[in-house]
Amino acid sequence: CDEVDEIIVEGARYYETPNEEEEG
């Protein structure tokens, strides 16, 4: 309600996790 538009932006990030099926 301040007569200025807010800006909504989508993003993504990835992070490494242990591979339970194939070690290494």
PDB file of all heavy atoms in Angstrom:
ATOM      1  N   CYS A   1       0.803  -1.225   0.000  1.00  0.00           N
ATOM      2  CA  CYS A   1       0.000   0.000   0.000  1.00  0.00           C
ATOM      3  C   CYS A   1       0.834   1.272   0.000  1.00  0.00           C
ATOM      4  O   CYS A   1       0.432   2.294   0.572  1.00  0.00           O
ATOM      5  CB  CYS A   1      -0.962   0.008   1.212  1.00  0.00           C
ATOM      6  SG  CYS A   1      -2.103  -1.399   1.236  1.00  0.00           S
ATOM      7  N   ASP A   2       1.999   1.216  -0.654  1.00  0.00           N
ATOM      8  CA  ASP A   2       2.834   2.410  -0.757  1.00  0.00           C
ATOM      9  C   ASP A   2       2.923   2.911  -2.188  1.00  0.00           C
ATOM     10  O   ASP A   2       3.746   3.770  -2.506  1.00  0.00           O
ATOM     11  CB  ASP A   2       4.244   2.127  -0.229  1.00  0.00           C
ATOM     12  CG  ASP A   2       4.938   1.002  -0.995  1.00  0.00           C
ATOM     13  OD1 ASP A   2       4.310   0.422  -1.906  1.00  0.00           O
ATOM     14  OD2 ASP A   2       6.102   0.706  -0.673  1.00  0.00           O
ATOM     15  N   GLU A   3       2.067   2.354  -3.070  1.00  0.00           N
ATOM     16  CA  GLU A   3       1.992   2.748  -4.476  1.00  0.00           C
ATOM     17  C   GLU A   3       3.269   2.435  -5.254  1.00  0.00           C
ATOM     18  O   GLU A   3       3.534   3.014  -6.314  1.00  0.00           O
ATOM     19  CB  GLU A   3       1.641   4.234  -4.614  1.00  0.00           C
ATOM     20  CG  GLU A   3       0.277   4.585  -4.005  1.00  0.00           C
ATOM     21  CD  GLU A   3      -0.089   6.037  -4.220  1.00  0.00           C
ATOM     22  OE1 GLU A   3       0.742   6.793  -4.743  1.00  0.00           O
ATOM     23  OE2 GLU A   3      -1.225   6.411  -3.870  1.00  0.00           O
ATOM     24  N   VAL A   4       4.082   1.522  -4.719  1.00  0.00           N
ATOM     25  CA  VAL A   4       5.289   1.056  -5.404  1.00  0.00           C
ATOM     26  C   VAL A   4       5.206  -0.461  -5.510  1.00  0.00           C
ATOM     27  O   VAL A   4       4.998  -1.147  -4.503  1.00  0.00           O
ATOM     28  CB  VAL A   4       6.578   1.455  -4.650  1.00  0.00           C
ATOM     29  CG1 VAL A   4       7.811   0.895  -5.362  1.00  0.00           C
ATOM     30  CG2 VAL A   4       6.671   2.968  -4.532  1.00  0.00           C
ATOM     31  N   ASP A   5       5.352  -0.993  -6.709  1.00  0.00           N
ATOM     32  CA  ASP A   5       5.264  -2.441  -6.891  1.00  0.00           C
ATOM     33  C   ASP A   5       6.408  -3.166  -6.199  1.00  0.00           C
ATOM     34  O   ASP A   5       7.567  -2.728  -6.256  1.00  0.00           O
ATOM     35  CB  ASP A   5       5.301  -2.798  -8.381  1.00  0.00           C
ATOM     36  CG  ASP A   5       3.964  -2.565  -9.063  1.00  0.00           C
ATOM     37  OD1 ASP A   5       2.960  -2.382  -8.358  1.00  0.00           O
ATOM     38  OD2 ASP A   5       3.935  -2.561 -10.308  1.00  0.00           O
ATOM     39  N   GLU A   6       6.068  -4.275  -5.542  1.00  0.00           N
ATOM     40  CA  GLU A   6       7.095  -5.209  -5.097  1.00  0.00           C
ATOM     41  C   GLU A   6       7.455  -6.118  -6.272  1.00  0.00           C
ATOM     42  O   GLU A   6       6.663  -6.295  -7.203  1.00  0.00           O
ATOM     43  CB  GLU A   6       6.599  -6.059  -3.931  1.00  0.00           C
ATOM     44  CG  GLU A   6       6.722  -5.386  -2.569  1.00  0.00           C
ATOM     45  CD  GLU A   6       5.901  -4.108  -2.455  1.00  0.00           C
ATOM     46  OE1 GLU A   6       4.688  -4.145  -2.678  1.00  0.00           O
ATOM     47  OE2 GLU A   6       6.501  -3.060  -2.155  1.00  0.00           O
ATOM     48  N   ILE A   7       8.648  -6.678  -6.229  1.00  0.00           N
ATOM     49  CA  ILE A   7       9.153  -7.517  -7.314  1.00  0.00           C
ATOM     50  C   ILE A   7       9.352  -8.924  -6.768  1.00  0.00           C
ATOM     51  O   ILE A   7      10.075  -9.119  -5.792  1.00  0.00           O
ATOM     52  CB  ILE A   7      10.483  -6.969  -7.862  1.00  0.00           C
ATOM     53  CG1 ILE A   7      10.319  -5.506  -8.266  1.00  0.00           C
ATOM     54  CG2 ILE A   7      10.969  -7.806  -9.037  1.00  0.00           C
ATOM     55  CD1 ILE A   7      11.625  -4.775  -8.456  1.00  0.00           C
ATOM     56  N   ILE A   8       8.697  -9.897  -7.388  1.00  0.00           N
ATOM     57  CA  ILE A   8       8.793 -11.287  -6.955  1.00  0.00           C
ATOM     58  C   ILE A   8       9.618 -12.051  -7.992  1.00  0.00           C
ATOM     59  O   ILE A   8       9.296 -12.056  -9.180  1.00  0.00           O
ATOM     60  CB  ILE A   8       7.398 -11.916  -6.815  1.00  0.00           C
ATOM     61  CG1 ILE A   8       6.577 -11.109  -5.799  1.00  0.00           C
ATOM     62  CG2 ILE A   8       7.488 -13.377  -6.388  1.00  0.00           C
ATOM     63  CD1 ILE A   8       5.114 -11.431  -5.807  1.00  0.00           C
ATOM     64  N   VAL A   9      10.688 -12.679  -7.520  1.00  0.00           N
ATOM     65  CA  VAL A   9      11.617 -13.365  -8.421  1.00  0.00           C
ATOM     66  C   VAL A   9      11.833 -14.786  -7.916  1.00  0.00           C
ATOM     67  O   VAL A   9      12.033 -15.005  -6.716  1.00  0.00           O
ATOM     68  CB  VAL A   9      12.972 -12.633  -8.491  1.00  0.00           C
ATOM     69  CG1 VAL A   9      13.855 -13.267  -9.568  1.00  0.00           C
ATOM     70  CG2 VAL A   9      12.780 -11.156  -8.768  1.00  0.00           C
ATOM     71  N   GLU A  10      11.795 -15.752  -8.821  1.00  0.00           N
ATOM     72  CA  GLU A  10      12.071 -17.140  -8.465  1.00  0.00           C
ATOM     73  C   GLU A  10      13.542 -17.457  -8.710  1.00  0.00           C
ATOM     74  O   GLU A  10      14.185 -16.888  -9.589  1.00  0.00           O
ATOM     75  CB  GLU A  10      11.209 -18.096  -9.290  1.00  0.00           C
ATOM     76  CG  GLU A  10       9.738 -18.036  -8.962  1.00  0.00           C
ATOM     77  CD  GLU A  10       8.931 -19.084  -9.720  1.00  0.00           C
ATOM     78  OE1 GLU A  10       9.547 -19.974 -10.334  1.00  0.00           O
ATOM     79  OE2 GLU A  10       7.695 -19.009  -9.693  1.00  0.00           O
ATOM     80  N   GLY A  11      14.052 -18.384  -7.901  1.00  0.00           N
ATOM     81  CA  GLY A  11      15.432 -18.800  -8.063  1.00  0.00           C
ATOM     82  C   GLY A  11      15.598 -20.260  -7.673  1.00  0.00           C
ATOM     83  O   GLY A  11      14.658 -20.910  -7.210  1.00  0.00           O
ATOM     84  N   ALA A  12      16.798 -20.765  -7.864  1.00  0.00           N
ATOM     85  CA  ALA A  12      17.098 -22.146  -7.491  1.00  0.00           C
ATOM     86  C   ALA A  12      18.562 -22.258  -7.127  1.00  0.00           C
ATOM     87  O   ALA A  12      19.399 -21.476  -7.599  1.00  0.00           O
ATOM     88  CB  ALA A  12      16.766 -23.100  -8.639  1.00  0.00           C
ATOM     89  N   ARG A  13      18.863 -23.207  -6.253  1.00  0.00           N
ATOM     90  CA  ARG A  13      20.251 -23.546  -5.981  1.00  0.00           C
ATOM     91  C   ARG A  13      20.334 -25.050  -5.778  1.00  0.00           C
ATOM     92  O   ARG A  13      19.348 -25.711  -5.441  1.00  0.00           O
ATOM     93  CB  ARG A  13      20.790 -22.798  -4.761  1.00  0.00           C
ATOM     94  CG  ARG A  13      20.293 -23.286  -3.408  1.00  0.00           C
ATOM     95  CD  ARG A  13      20.920 -22.494  -2.282  1.00  0.00           C
ATOM     96  NE  ARG A  13      20.457 -22.953  -0.975  1.00  0.00           N
ATOM     97  CZ  ARG A  13      21.102 -23.836  -0.231  1.00  0.00           C
ATOM     98  NH1 ARG A  13      22.231 -24.373  -0.668  1.00  0.00           N
ATOM     99  NH2 ARG A  13      20.627 -24.204   0.944  1.00  0.00           N
ATOM    100  N   TYR A  14      21.513 -25.573  -5.976  1.00  0.00           N
ATOM    101  CA  TYR A  14      21.741 -27.008  -5.861  1.00  0.00           C
ATOM    102  C   TYR A  14      22.851 -27.239  -4.851  1.00  0.00           C
ATOM    103  O   TYR A  14      23.777 -26.434  -4.727  1.00  0.00           O
ATOM    104  CB  TYR A  14      22.147 -27.595  -7.215  1.00  0.00           C
ATOM    105  CG  TYR A  14      21.124 -27.365  -8.295  1.00  0.00           C
ATOM    106  CD1 TYR A  14      21.069 -26.151  -8.976  1.00  0.00           C
ATOM    107  CD2 TYR A  14      20.202 -28.339  -8.634  1.00  0.00           C
ATOM    108  CE1 TYR A  14      20.129 -25.923  -9.952  1.00  0.00           C
ATOM    109  CE2 TYR A  14      19.250 -28.123  -9.620  1.00  0.00           C
ATOM    110  CZ  TYR A  14      19.226 -26.911 -10.277  1.00  0.00           C
ATOM    111  OH  TYR A  14      18.290 -26.681 -11.243  1.00  0.00           O
ATOM    112  N   TYR A  15      22.764 -28.339  -4.124  1.00  0.00           N
ATOM    113  CA  TYR A  15      23.837 -28.677  -3.196  1.00  0.00           C
ATOM    114  C   TYR A  15      24.056 -30.179  -3.220  1.00  0.00           C
ATOM    115  O   TYR A  15      23.138 -30.962  -3.426  1.00  0.00           O
ATOM    116  CB  TYR A  15      23.516 -28.190  -1.774  1.00  0.00           C
ATOM    117  CG  TYR A  15      22.199 -28.648  -1.216  1.00  0.00           C
ATOM    118  CD1 TYR A  15      22.120 -29.777  -0.407  1.00  0.00           C
ATOM    119  CD2 TYR A  15      21.021 -27.944  -1.489  1.00  0.00           C
ATOM    120  CE1 TYR A  15      20.904 -30.198   0.115  1.00  0.00           C
ATOM    121  CE2 TYR A  15      19.808 -28.361  -0.977  1.00  0.00           C
ATOM    122  CZ  TYR A  15      19.756 -29.489  -0.169  1.00  0.00           C
ATOM    123  OH  TYR A  15      18.561 -29.913   0.330  1.00  0.00           O
ATOM    124  N   GLU A  16      25.315 -30.536  -3.017  1.00  0.00           N
ATOM    125  CA  GLU A  16      25.699 -31.937  -3.131  1.00  0.00           C
ATOM    126  C   GLU A  16      25.239 -32.722  -1.906  1.00  0.00           C
ATOM    127  O   GLU A  16      25.319 -32.241  -0.773  1.00  0.00           O
ATOM    128  CB  GLU A  16      27.219 -32.043  -3.287  1.00  0.00           C
ATOM    129  CG  GLU A  16      27.688 -33.418  -3.707  1.00  0.00           C
ATOM    130  CD  GLU A  16      29.166 -33.448  -4.027  1.00  0.00           C
ATOM    131  OE1 GLU A  16      29.743 -32.362  -4.271  1.00  0.00           O
ATOM    132  OE2 GLU A  16      29.745 -34.554  -4.033  1.00  0.00           O
ATOM    133  N   THR A  17      24.747 -33.925  -2.126  1.00  0.00           N
ATOM    134  CA  THR A  17      24.297 -34.806  -1.052  1.00  0.00           C
ATOM    135  C   THR A  17      24.915 -36.189  -1.251  1.00  0.00           C
ATOM    136  O   THR A  17      25.352 -36.537  -2.354  1.00  0.00           O
ATOM    137  CB  THR A  17      22.757 -34.951  -1.060  1.00  0.00           C
ATOM    138  OG1 THR A  17      22.345 -35.520  -2.314  1.00  0.00           O
ATOM    139  CG2 THR A  17      22.087 -33.603  -0.876  1.00  0.00           C
ATOM    140  N   PRO A  18      24.970 -37.010  -0.203  1.00  0.00           N
ATOM    141  CA  PRO A  18      25.504 -38.360  -0.360  1.00  0.00           C
ATOM    142  C   PRO A  18      24.669 -39.165  -1.352  1.00  0.00           C
ATOM    143  O   PRO A  18      23.447 -39.084  -1.356  1.00  0.00           O
ATOM    144  CB  PRO A  18      25.389 -38.952   1.062  1.00  0.00           C
ATOM    145  CG  PRO A  18      25.323 -37.767   1.965  1.00  0.00           C
ATOM    146  CD  PRO A  18      24.617 -36.698   1.183  1.00  0.00           C
ATOM    147  N   ASN A  19      25.327 -39.921  -2.202  1.00  0.00           N
ATOM    148  CA  ASN A  19      24.645 -40.786  -3.159  1.00  0.00           C
ATOM    149  C   ASN A  19      24.464 -42.154  -2.524  1.00  0.00           C
ATOM    150  O   ASN A  19      25.414 -42.929  -2.390  1.00  0.00           O
ATOM    151  CB  ASN A  19      25.451 -40.889  -4.459  1.00  0.00           C
ATOM    152  CG  ASN A  19      24.644 -41.513  -5.580  1.00  0.00           C
ATOM    153  OD1 ASN A  19      23.819 -42.397  -5.349  1.00  0.00           O
ATOM    154  ND2 ASN A  19      24.885 -41.058  -6.801  1.00  0.00           N
ATOM    155  N   GLU A  20      23.224 -42.446  -2.083  1.00  0.00           N
ATOM    156  CA  GLU A  20      22.966 -43.690  -1.373  1.00  0.00           C
ATOM    157  C   GLU A  20      22.981 -44.903  -2.287  1.00  0.00           C
ATOM    158  O   GLU A  20      23.176 -46.031  -1.833  1.00  0.00           O
ATOM    159  CB  GLU A  20      21.613 -43.598  -0.647  1.00  0.00           C
ATOM    160  CG  GLU A  20      21.582 -42.487   0.398  1.00  0.00           C
ATOM    161  CD  GLU A  20      20.230 -42.381   1.055  1.00  0.00           C
ATOM    162  OE1 GLU A  20      19.306 -43.123   0.637  1.00  0.00           O
ATOM    163  OE2 GLU A  20      20.089 -41.563   1.992  1.00  0.00           O
ATOM    164  N   GLU A  21      22.776 -44.693  -3.604  1.00  0.00           N
ATOM    165  CA  GLU A  21      22.695 -45.817  -4.527  1.00  0.00           C
ATOM    166  C   GLU A  21      24.062 -46.194  -5.096  1.00  0.00           C
ATOM    167  O   GLU A  21      24.375 -47.373  -5.247  1.00  0.00           O
ATOM    168  CB  GLU A  21      21.728 -45.489  -5.667  1.00  0.00           C
ATOM    169  CG  GLU A  21      20.294 -45.281  -5.192  1.00  0.00           C
ATOM    170  CD  GLU A  21      19.365 -44.965  -6.349  1.00  0.00           C
ATOM    171  OE1 GLU A  21      19.864 -44.891  -7.499  1.00  0.00           O
ATOM    172  OE2 GLU A  21      18.155 -44.806  -6.112  1.00  0.00           O
ATOM    173  N   GLU A  22      24.886 -45.206  -5.446  1.00  0.00           N
ATOM    174  CA  GLU A  22      26.170 -45.482  -6.069  1.00  0.00           C
ATOM    175  C   GLU A  22      27.253 -44.680  -5.364  1.00  0.00           C
ATOM    176  O   GLU A  22      27.415 -43.485  -5.594  1.00  0.00           O
ATOM    177  CB  GLU A  22      26.125 -45.132  -7.558  1.00  0.00           C
ATOM    178  CG  GLU A  22      25.069 -45.916  -8.337  1.00  0.00           C
ATOM    179  CD  GLU A  22      25.065 -45.544  -9.805  1.00  0.00           C
ATOM    180  OE1 GLU A  22      26.139 -45.625 -10.424  1.00  0.00           O
ATOM    181  OE2 GLU A  22      24.004 -45.168 -10.316  1.00  0.00           O
ATOM    182  N   GLU A  23      27.982 -45.331  -4.485  1.00  0.00           N
ATOM    183  CA  GLU A  23      29.012 -44.659  -3.697  1.00  0.00           C
ATOM    184  C   GLU A  23      30.100 -44.106  -4.620  1.00  0.00           C
ATOM    185  O   GLU A  23      30.536 -44.748  -5.569  1.00  0.00           O
ATOM    186  CB  GLU A  23      29.619 -45.649  -2.702  1.00  0.00           C
ATOM    187  CG  GLU A  23      30.588 -44.997  -1.726  1.00  0.00           C
ATOM    188  CD  GLU A  23      31.093 -45.984  -0.692  1.00  0.00           C
ATOM    189  OE1 GLU A  23      30.593 -47.126  -0.668  1.00  0.00           O
ATOM    190  OE2 GLU A  23      31.983 -45.610   0.071  1.00  0.00           O
ATOM    191  N   GLY A  24      30.530 -42.915  -4.318  1.00  0.00           N
ATOM    192  CA  GLY A  24      31.579 -42.283  -5.106  1.00  0.00           C
ATOM    193  C   GLY A  24      31.065 -41.361  -6.188  1.00  0.00           C
ATOM    194  O   GLY A  24      31.821 -40.554  -6.722  1.00  0.00           O
TER     195      GLY A  24
END
